[in-house]
Amino acid sequence: MFENRLKKKLIAPEKKPKLEKMVIGKITMFRMECPFCGEQNLSKTGTFKCTYCDETYSEQTVNKVRVIVGKTKRNRPPALIVRKLLALQNNKCFYCGKEFDLQYYRNGKVRKLIAHADHQIPYSYLLTNPDDNFVMACCVCNMFKSAKMFESVEDCKKYLDYKWDKEVSSGNIEILT
């Protein structure tokens, strides 16, 4: 897939990508298409590291400002999307890799890791529910992540690994086999 995008860019180079500033409530984000592979990326600063091809790029001239106001409803993804994500992720959490329905002990109770549809980019930042923003996360990772924003998926996974390790080592969570 990456090769196809790259060939497309090499064969028919498009106009210079445009930097878009988005103001969502008190939050300012920048969005720009990667000039190397065409992937849309978000950044808090205007300097981007592409989540697809790993290239770093930036642009200083803001071509468009988008102010998002009003309230929309936070929705779950359609059942078809949930089934596809569960199959794609092999019925495991996107962040920690633990299988759903794994039993664990917490706060005096035996519980199961329940699958939650998580907004990779928190709903509070986008105020929309695009289907490609959802991943299936376990209930624990979803709670740890909450509405936090990360520079990359790897940063998010490192943070959640740290939180899991902290909870397990302190005895707050015990994985049951």
C-alpha atoms as a PDB file:
ATOM      1  CA  MET A   1       0.000   0.000   0.000  1.00  0.00           C
ATOM      2  CA  PHE A   2       2.800   2.443   0.895  1.00  0.00           C
ATOM      3  CA  GLU A   3       4.541   1.676  -2.397  1.00  0.00           C
ATOM      4  CA  ASN A   4       1.349   2.549  -4.299  1.00  0.00           C
ATOM      5  CA  ARG A   5       1.097   5.908  -2.539  1.00  0.00           C
ATOM      6  CA  LEU A   6       4.760   6.582  -3.162  1.00  0.00           C
ATOM      7  CA  LYS A   7       4.440   5.685  -6.857  1.00  0.00           C
ATOM      8  CA  LYS A   8       1.396   7.944  -7.094  1.00  0.00           C
ATOM      9  CA  LYS A   9       3.373  10.841  -5.620  1.00  0.00           C
ATOM     10  CA  LEU A  10       6.387  10.205  -7.855  1.00  0.00           C
ATOM     11  CA  ILE A  11       4.384   9.805 -11.046  1.00  0.00           C
ATOM     12  CA  ALA A  12       1.967  12.674 -10.473  1.00  0.00           C
ATOM     13  CA  PRO A  13       3.250  15.014  -7.784  1.00  0.00           C
ATOM     14  CA  GLU A  14       0.475  17.168  -6.393  1.00  0.00           C
ATOM     15  CA  LYS A  15       0.472  20.707  -5.060  1.00  0.00           C
ATOM     16  CA  LYS A  16       2.407  21.484  -1.907  1.00  0.00           C
ATOM     17  CA  PRO A  17       0.498  20.090   1.105  1.00  0.00           C
ATOM     18  CA  LYS A  18      -1.456  22.675   3.080  1.00  0.00           C
ATOM     19  CA  LEU A  19      -1.251  23.238   6.822  1.00  0.00           C
ATOM     20  CA  GLU A  20      -4.606  23.472   8.558  1.00  0.00           C
ATOM     21  CA  LYS A  21      -5.018  24.915  12.052  1.00  0.00           C
ATOM     22  CA  MET A  22      -7.973  23.507  13.979  1.00  0.00           C
ATOM     23  CA  VAL A  23      -9.329  25.235  17.077  1.00  0.00           C
ATOM     24  CA  ILE A  24     -11.612  22.942  19.041  1.00  0.00           C
ATOM     25  CA  GLY A  25     -12.781  24.629  22.226  1.00  0.00           C
ATOM     26  CA  LYS A  26      -9.563  25.457  24.131  1.00  0.00           C
ATOM     27  CA  ILE A  27      -7.456  23.037  22.076  1.00  0.00           C
ATOM     28  CA  THR A  28      -5.403  23.975  19.014  1.00  0.00           C
ATOM     29  CA  MET A  29      -4.198  21.231  16.664  1.00  0.00           C
ATOM     30  CA  PHE A  30      -2.520  21.281  13.267  1.00  0.00           C
ATOM     31  CA  ARG A  31      -3.347  18.891  10.426  1.00  0.00           C
ATOM     32  CA  MET A  32      -1.325  18.345   7.287  1.00  0.00           C
ATOM     33  CA  GLU A  33      -0.940  15.735   4.575  1.00  0.00           C
ATOM     34  CA  CYS A  34       2.484  14.075   4.567  1.00  0.00           C
ATOM     35  CA  PRO A  35       4.373  15.260   1.459  1.00  0.00           C
ATOM     36  CA  PHE A  36       6.083  11.857   1.204  1.00  0.00           C
ATOM     37  CA  CYS A  37       3.158   9.407   1.384  1.00  0.00           C
ATOM     38  CA  GLY A  38      -0.069  11.431   1.499  1.00  0.00           C
ATOM     39  CA  GLU A  39      -1.174  10.305   4.991  1.00  0.00           C
ATOM     40  CA  GLN A  40      -3.084  12.872   7.092  1.00  0.00           C
ATOM     41  CA  ASN A  41      -1.313  13.631  10.391  1.00  0.00           C
ATOM     42  CA  LEU A  42      -2.112  15.710  13.469  1.00  0.00           C
ATOM     43  CA  SER A  43       0.305  17.678  15.628  1.00  0.00           C
ATOM     44  CA  LYS A  44       0.114  20.042  18.577  1.00  0.00           C
ATOM     45  CA  THR A  45       3.035  22.141  17.295  1.00  0.00           C
ATOM     46  CA  GLY A  46       3.017  22.168  13.474  1.00  0.00           C
ATOM     47  CA  THR A  47       5.999  19.816  13.252  1.00  0.00           C
ATOM     48  CA  PHE A  48       4.893  16.382  12.106  1.00  0.00           C
ATOM     49  CA  LYS A  49       6.237  12.829  12.226  1.00  0.00           C
ATOM     50  CA  CYS A  50       4.207  10.746   9.813  1.00  0.00           C
ATOM     51  CA  THR A  51       2.498   7.787  11.451  1.00  0.00           C
ATOM     52  CA  TYR A  52       2.654   5.877   8.169  1.00  0.00           C
ATOM     53  CA  CYS A  53       6.079   6.448   6.572  1.00  0.00           C
ATOM     54  CA  ASP A  54       7.911   7.799   9.664  1.00  0.00           C
ATOM     55  CA  GLU A  55       9.193  10.925   7.841  1.00  0.00           C
ATOM     56  CA  THR A  56       9.431  14.247   9.708  1.00  0.00           C
ATOM     57  CA  TYR A  57       8.179  17.449   8.083  1.00  0.00           C
ATOM     58  CA  SER A  58       6.785  20.873   8.942  1.00  0.00           C
ATOM     59  CA  GLU A  59       5.204  23.934   7.378  1.00  0.00           C
ATOM     60  CA  GLN A  60       5.029  27.465   8.753  1.00  0.00           C
ATOM     61  CA  THR A  61       2.284  28.996   6.613  1.00  0.00           C
ATOM     62  CA  VAL A  62      -1.235  28.200   7.794  1.00  0.00           C
ATOM     63  CA  ASN A  63      -3.477  27.884   4.753  1.00  0.00           C
ATOM     64  CA  LYS A  64      -6.745  27.284   6.554  1.00  0.00           C
ATOM     65  CA  VAL A  65      -8.146  27.825  10.044  1.00  0.00           C
ATOM     66  CA  ARG A  66     -11.040  25.660  11.166  1.00  0.00           C
ATOM     67  CA  VAL A  67     -12.937  26.546  14.343  1.00  0.00           C
ATOM     68  CA  ILE A  68     -15.149  23.737  15.550  1.00  0.00           C
ATOM     69  CA  VAL A  69     -18.009  24.772  17.819  1.00  0.00           C
ATOM     70  CA  GLY A  70     -21.177  23.193  19.053  1.00  0.00           C
ATOM     71  CA  LYS A  71     -21.865  19.813  20.522  1.00  0.00           C
ATOM     72  CA  THR A  72     -22.090  16.574  18.661  1.00  0.00           C
ATOM     73  CA  LYS A  73     -22.974  13.247  20.161  1.00  0.00           C
ATOM     74  CA  ARG A  74     -20.255  10.734  21.002  1.00  0.00           C
ATOM     75  CA  ASN A  75     -21.241   7.563  19.161  1.00  0.00           C
ATOM     76  CA  ARG A  76     -20.063   4.004  19.202  1.00  0.00           C
ATOM     77  CA  PRO A  77     -18.863   2.592  15.902  1.00  0.00           C
ATOM     78  CA  PRO A  78     -21.326   0.481  13.914  1.00  0.00           C
ATOM     79  CA  ALA A  79     -21.416  -3.236  14.794  1.00  0.00           C
ATOM     80  CA  LEU A  80     -19.808  -4.124  11.437  1.00  0.00           C
ATOM     81  CA  ILE A  81     -16.791  -1.903  12.226  1.00  0.00           C
ATOM     82  CA  VAL A  82     -16.480  -3.457  15.710  1.00  0.00           C
ATOM     83  CA  ARG A  83     -16.490  -6.980  14.235  1.00  0.00           C
ATOM     84  CA  LYS A  84     -13.873  -6.004  11.634  1.00  0.00           C
ATOM     85  CA  LEU A  85     -11.636  -4.397  14.270  1.00  0.00           C
ATOM     86  CA  LEU A  86     -11.916  -7.419  16.574  1.00  0.00           C
ATOM     87  CA  ALA A  87     -10.985  -9.740  13.692  1.00  0.00           C
ATOM     88  CA  LEU A  88      -8.137  -7.467  12.544  1.00  0.00           C
ATOM     89  CA  GLN A  89      -6.756  -7.269  16.093  1.00  0.00           C
ATOM     90  CA  ASN A  90      -7.195 -11.033  16.719  1.00  0.00           C
ATOM     91  CA  ASN A  91      -9.575 -10.325  19.606  1.00  0.00           C
ATOM     92  CA  LYS A  92      -6.773  -8.518  21.489  1.00  0.00           C
ATOM     93  CA  CYS A  93      -6.370  -5.032  22.882  1.00  0.00           C
ATOM     94  CA  PHE A  94      -4.802  -2.652  20.360  1.00  0.00           C
ATOM     95  CA  TYR A  95      -2.595  -1.099  23.052  1.00  0.00           C
ATOM     96  CA  CYS A  96      -1.470  -3.867  25.439  1.00  0.00           C
ATOM     97  CA  GLY A  97      -2.058  -6.964  23.284  1.00  0.00           C
ATOM     98  CA  LYS A  98      -3.934  -8.842  26.029  1.00  0.00           C
ATOM     99  CA  GLU A  99      -6.803 -11.057  24.917  1.00  0.00           C
ATOM    100  CA  PHE A 100     -10.303  -9.861  25.656  1.00  0.00           C
ATOM    101  CA  ASP A 101     -12.143 -11.895  28.319  1.00  0.00           C
ATOM    102  CA  LEU A 102      -8.848 -12.494  30.171  1.00  0.00           C
ATOM    103  CA  GLN A 103      -9.626 -12.580  33.877  1.00  0.00           C
ATOM    104  CA  TYR A 104      -7.931 -10.270  36.356  1.00  0.00           C
ATOM    105  CA  TYR A 105      -8.331  -9.380  40.017  1.00  0.00           C
ATOM    106  CA  ARG A 106      -8.826  -5.752  41.018  1.00  0.00           C
ATOM    107  CA  ASN A 107     -10.416  -3.966  43.969  1.00  0.00           C
ATOM    108  CA  GLY A 108     -11.469  -7.235  45.605  1.00  0.00           C
ATOM    109  CA  LYS A 109     -13.282  -8.573  42.525  1.00  0.00           C
ATOM    110  CA  VAL A 110     -12.530 -10.941  39.669  1.00  0.00           C
ATOM    111  CA  ARG A 111     -13.217  -9.162  36.383  1.00  0.00           C
ATOM    112  CA  LYS A 112     -12.826  -9.751  32.655  1.00  0.00           C
ATOM    113  CA  LEU A 113     -10.981  -7.539  30.184  1.00  0.00           C
ATOM    114  CA  ILE A 114     -13.917  -6.194  28.237  1.00  0.00           C
ATOM    115  CA  ALA A 115     -13.487  -4.814  24.716  1.00  0.00           C
ATOM    116  CA  HIS A 116     -14.183  -1.084  24.406  1.00  0.00           C
ATOM    117  CA  ALA A 117     -14.295   0.896  21.178  1.00  0.00           C
ATOM    118  CA  ASP A 118     -11.721   3.614  21.841  1.00  0.00           C
ATOM    119  CA  HIS A 119     -11.226   6.872  19.947  1.00  0.00           C
ATOM    120  CA  GLN A 120      -7.489   6.901  19.095  1.00  0.00           C
ATOM    121  CA  ILE A 121      -7.655  10.668  18.870  1.00  0.00           C
ATOM    122  CA  PRO A 122      -9.938  11.491  21.804  1.00  0.00           C
ATOM    123  CA  TYR A 123     -13.467  12.577  21.043  1.00  0.00           C
ATOM    124  CA  SER A 124     -12.868  15.731  23.100  1.00  0.00           C
ATOM    125  CA  TYR A 125     -10.281  16.828  20.489  1.00  0.00           C
ATOM    126  CA  LEU A 126     -12.190  16.006  17.306  1.00  0.00           C
ATOM    127  CA  LEU A 127     -15.850  16.230  18.392  1.00  0.00           C
ATOM    128  CA  THR A 128     -16.592  13.736  15.611  1.00  0.00           C
ATOM    129  CA  ASN A 129     -16.763   9.963  15.351  1.00  0.00           C
ATOM    130  CA  PRO A 130     -15.015   8.927  12.119  1.00  0.00           C
ATOM    131  CA  ASP A 131     -14.902   5.150  11.666  1.00  0.00           C
ATOM    132  CA  ASP A 132     -11.140   5.169  11.035  1.00  0.00           C
ATOM    133  CA  ASN A 133     -10.489   6.740  14.462  1.00  0.00           C
ATOM    134  CA  PHE A 134     -11.675   3.683  16.414  1.00  0.00           C
ATOM    135  CA  VAL A 135      -9.627   0.791  17.785  1.00  0.00           C
ATOM    136  CA  MET A 136     -10.656  -1.965  20.165  1.00  0.00           C
ATOM    137  CA  ALA A 137      -9.019  -1.468  23.558  1.00  0.00           C
ATOM    138  CA  CYS A 138      -9.416  -3.376  26.793  1.00  0.00           C
ATOM    139  CA  CYS A 139     -11.386  -1.620  29.508  1.00  0.00           C
ATOM    140  CA  VAL A 140      -8.223  -1.078  31.590  1.00  0.00           C
ATOM    141  CA  CYS A 141      -6.215   0.555  28.766  1.00  0.00           C
ATOM    142  CA  ASN A 142      -9.224   2.666  27.805  1.00  0.00           C
ATOM    143  CA  MET A 143      -9.526   3.872  31.405  1.00  0.00           C
ATOM    144  CA  PHE A 144      -5.775   4.584  31.683  1.00  0.00           C
ATOM    145  CA  LYS A 145      -5.696   6.434  28.350  1.00  0.00           C
ATOM    146  CA  SER A 146      -8.875   8.387  28.986  1.00  0.00           C
ATOM    147  CA  ALA A 147      -8.793  11.581  26.854  1.00  0.00           C
ATOM    148  CA  LYS A 148      -5.003  11.858  26.761  1.00  0.00           C
ATOM    149  CA  MET A 149      -3.378  12.840  23.479  1.00  0.00           C
ATOM    150  CA  PHE A 150      -0.045  11.346  22.376  1.00  0.00           C
ATOM    151  CA  GLU A 151       2.411  12.264  19.624  1.00  0.00           C
ATOM    152  CA  SER A 152       2.359   8.686  18.298  1.00  0.00           C
ATOM    153  CA  VAL A 153       0.795   5.275  18.854  1.00  0.00           C
ATOM    154  CA  GLU A 154       4.153   4.077  20.183  1.00  0.00           C
ATOM    155  CA  ASP A 155       4.167   6.831  22.835  1.00  0.00           C
ATOM    156  CA  CYS A 156       0.655   5.833  23.849  1.00  0.00           C
ATOM    157  CA  LYS A 157       1.628   2.152  24.114  1.00  0.00           C
ATOM    158  CA  LYS A 158       4.710   3.023  26.206  1.00  0.00           C
ATOM    159  CA  TYR A 159       2.560   5.076  28.569  1.00  0.00           C
ATOM    160  CA  LEU A 160      -0.002   2.281  28.925  1.00  0.00           C
ATOM    161  CA  ASP A 161       2.732  -0.344  29.472  1.00  0.00           C
ATOM    162  CA  TYR A 162       4.081   1.867  32.264  1.00  0.00           C
ATOM    163  CA  LYS A 163       0.593   2.175  33.822  1.00  0.00           C
ATOM    164  CA  TRP A 164       0.020  -1.599  33.602  1.00  0.00           C
ATOM    165  CA  ASP A 165       3.443  -2.337  35.144  1.00  0.00           C
ATOM    166  CA  LYS A 166       2.789   0.136  37.949  1.00  0.00           C
ATOM    167  CA  GLU A 167      -0.623  -1.364  38.778  1.00  0.00           C
ATOM    168  CA  VAL A 168       0.620  -4.976  38.639  1.00  0.00           C
ATOM    169  CA  SER A 169       3.817  -4.321  40.652  1.00  0.00           C
ATOM    170  CA  SER A 170       1.855  -2.465  43.354  1.00  0.00           C
ATOM    171  CA  GLY A 171      -0.607  -5.354  43.619  1.00  0.00           C
ATOM    172  CA  ASN A 172      -3.608  -3.334  42.470  1.00  0.00           C
ATOM    173  CA  ILE A 173      -4.128  -5.649  39.465  1.00  0.00           C
ATOM    174  CA  GLU A 174      -3.373  -9.342  39.299  1.00  0.00           C
ATOM    175  CA  ILE A 175      -3.716 -11.213  36.023  1.00  0.00           C
ATOM    176  CA  LEU A 176      -5.389 -14.594  36.561  1.00  0.00           C
ATOM    177  CA  THR A 177      -4.458 -17.519  34.323  1.00  0.00           C
END
